[in-house]
C-alpha cells in the first residue's frame, strides 16, 4: 500500500473558535522527484562512461598519431602524412564533441523548472 505525503497548514482564528487550513497532497510530486533523480543518476553515469571510455581512447590514438608523425617526418610519402593528419583531426574533433556534449548536458540539467498546480480539495476528497 502506498503512503500519501501530505503538507498541512493550520490557521486558528484570533478568537480561537475557528480552525481553517490547507492540505496539499505531495505524493505524486514526491514520486516524480524520486523518478527524476533516478533518471538523472543514470544520465550522469552514462555521461561519465561516455566521457571516460570514449574520450580517453581517442586521446591515446591522437597521441599515437602524433608520435608516428614525429618519427616519419623525413618520409616523403604524402599519402601517409595525409592519413595521419586525418586521424589526428578526427580524434581531436571527436574529443571536442564528447566534451561539448558532457558540458552541455550538465549545464542544461542544472536548471529545472518546477510546476505547481492548484487542486480543488473538496472535489479531490469526494473522488
Protein backbone atom coordinates (compact mmCIF):
# COMPACT_ATOMS: atom_id res chain seq x y z
CA UNK A 1 0.00 0.00 0.00
CA UNK A 2 1.34 3.40 -0.96
CA UNK A 3 1.58 6.07 1.73
CA UNK A 4 0.37 9.57 0.99
CA UNK A 5 2.62 12.53 1.62
CA UNK A 6 0.58 15.49 2.85
CA UNK A 7 1.50 19.03 3.84
CA UNK A 8 -0.90 20.54 6.34
CA UNK A 9 -1.10 24.23 7.24
CA UNK A 10 -3.46 25.10 10.10
CA UNK A 11 -4.72 28.57 10.98
CA UNK A 12 -6.57 29.37 14.21
CA UNK A 13 -8.72 32.50 14.41
CA UNK A 14 -7.95 35.20 16.96
CA UNK A 15 -10.98 34.20 18.96
CA UNK A 16 -9.73 30.61 18.84
CA UNK A 17 -13.21 29.47 17.86
CA UNK A 18 -12.44 28.67 14.23
CA UNK A 19 -9.82 26.47 12.69
CA UNK A 20 -9.06 26.66 8.99
CA UNK A 21 -6.34 25.06 7.00
CA UNK A 22 -4.87 23.86 3.78
CA UNK A 23 -3.90 20.30 2.94
CA UNK A 24 -1.64 19.66 -0.02
CA UNK A 25 -1.01 16.16 -1.36
CA UNK A 26 2.66 15.86 -2.32
CA UNK A 27 2.54 12.13 -3.04
CA UNK A 28 2.72 12.38 -6.83
CA UNK A 29 5.22 15.24 -6.69
CA UNK A 30 7.48 13.23 -4.39
CA UNK A 31 7.23 10.14 -6.60
CA UNK A 32 8.05 12.28 -9.64
CA UNK A 33 11.01 13.81 -7.82
CA UNK A 34 12.37 10.35 -6.95
CA UNK A 35 11.86 9.18 -10.54
CA UNK A 36 13.60 12.27 -11.94
CA UNK A 37 16.52 11.76 -9.54
CA UNK A 38 16.85 8.15 -10.69
CA UNK A 39 16.84 9.20 -14.35
CA UNK A 40 19.34 11.96 -13.59
CA UNK A 41 21.64 9.48 -11.82
CA UNK A 42 21.53 7.10 -14.82
CA UNK A 43 22.18 10.04 -17.16
CA UNK A 44 25.19 11.12 -15.10
CA UNK A 45 26.62 7.60 -15.14
CA UNK A 46 26.12 7.43 -18.90
CA UNK A 47 27.86 10.79 -19.34
CA UNK A 48 30.76 9.68 -17.16
CA UNK A 49 31.14 6.48 -19.19
CA UNK A 50 30.91 8.45 -22.42
CA UNK A 51 33.41 10.99 -21.17
CA UNK A 52 35.92 8.46 -19.90
CA UNK A 53 35.50 5.41 -22.11
CA UNK A 54 35.27 7.33 -25.37
CA UNK A 55 37.41 10.39 -24.75
CA UNK A 56 40.41 8.55 -23.32
CA UNK A 57 40.91 6.08 -26.21
CA UNK A 58 40.55 8.94 -28.68
CA UNK A 59 43.22 10.90 -26.80
CA UNK A 60 45.50 7.85 -26.85
CA UNK A 61 45.00 7.43 -30.61
CA UNK A 62 45.73 11.11 -31.12
CA UNK A 63 48.96 10.79 -29.10
CA UNK A 64 49.99 7.70 -31.09
CA UNK A 65 49.33 9.51 -34.37
CA UNK A 66 51.42 12.47 -33.19
CA UNK A 67 54.24 10.13 -32.21
CA UNK A 68 54.13 8.39 -35.61
CA UNK A 69 54.08 11.77 -37.37
CA UNK A 70 57.21 12.82 -35.48
CA UNK A 71 59.02 9.57 -36.35
CA UNK A 72 58.25 9.74 -40.06
CA UNK A 73 58.79 13.47 -40.52
CA UNK A 74 61.51 12.75 -43.10
CA UNK A 75 59.36 10.37 -45.15
CA UNK A 76 58.25 11.87 -48.44
CA UNK A 77 55.03 9.84 -48.69
CA UNK A 78 52.30 12.49 -48.64
CA UNK A 79 49.57 9.85 -48.59
CA UNK A 80 50.81 8.52 -45.23
CA UNK A 81 51.19 12.04 -43.83
CA UNK A 82 47.68 12.98 -45.02
CA UNK A 83 46.24 9.84 -43.46
CA UNK A 84 47.91 10.59 -40.13
CA UNK A 85 46.69 14.19 -40.27
CA UNK A 86 43.19 12.89 -40.97
CA UNK A 87 43.30 10.54 -37.95
CA UNK A 88 44.69 13.26 -35.67
CA UNK A 89 41.97 15.70 -36.79
CA UNK A 90 39.26 13.06 -36.44
CA UNK A 91 40.34 12.25 -32.88
CA UNK A 92 40.54 15.92 -31.93
CA UNK A 93 37.06 16.68 -33.29
CA UNK A 94 35.54 13.69 -31.50
CA UNK A 95 37.22 14.60 -28.21
CA UNK A 96 35.80 18.13 -28.52
CA UNK A 97 32.39 16.66 -29.37
CA UNK A 98 32.39 14.49 -26.23
CA UNK A 99 33.45 17.47 -24.10
CA UNK A 100 30.73 19.68 -25.60
CA UNK A 101 28.06 17.00 -25.09
CA UNK A 102 29.03 16.44 -21.47
CA UNK A 103 29.32 20.15 -20.69
CA UNK A 104 26.05 20.96 -22.45
CA UNK A 105 24.14 18.24 -20.63
CA UNK A 106 25.45 19.22 -17.20
CA UNK A 107 24.68 22.90 -17.84
CA UNK A 108 21.25 22.11 -19.26
CA UNK A 109 20.24 19.73 -16.50
CA UNK A 110 21.26 22.10 -13.72
CA UNK A 111 18.24 24.32 -14.49
CA UNK A 112 14.97 22.52 -13.84
CA UNK A 113 11.62 24.27 -13.89
CA UNK A 114 9.18 23.33 -11.17
CA UNK A 115 5.49 23.42 -11.99
CA UNK A 116 2.95 23.87 -9.18
CA UNK A 117 -0.73 23.21 -9.75
CA UNK A 118 -3.69 24.08 -7.59
CA UNK A 119 -6.33 21.48 -6.91
CA UNK A 120 -9.90 21.68 -5.71
CA UNK A 121 -9.55 19.92 -2.36
CA UNK A 122 -13.27 19.34 -1.90
CA UNK A 123 -13.57 17.75 -5.34
CA UNK A 124 -10.40 15.67 -4.72
CA UNK A 125 -11.73 14.39 -1.38
CA UNK A 126 -15.09 13.42 -2.89
CA UNK A 127 -13.41 11.27 -5.54
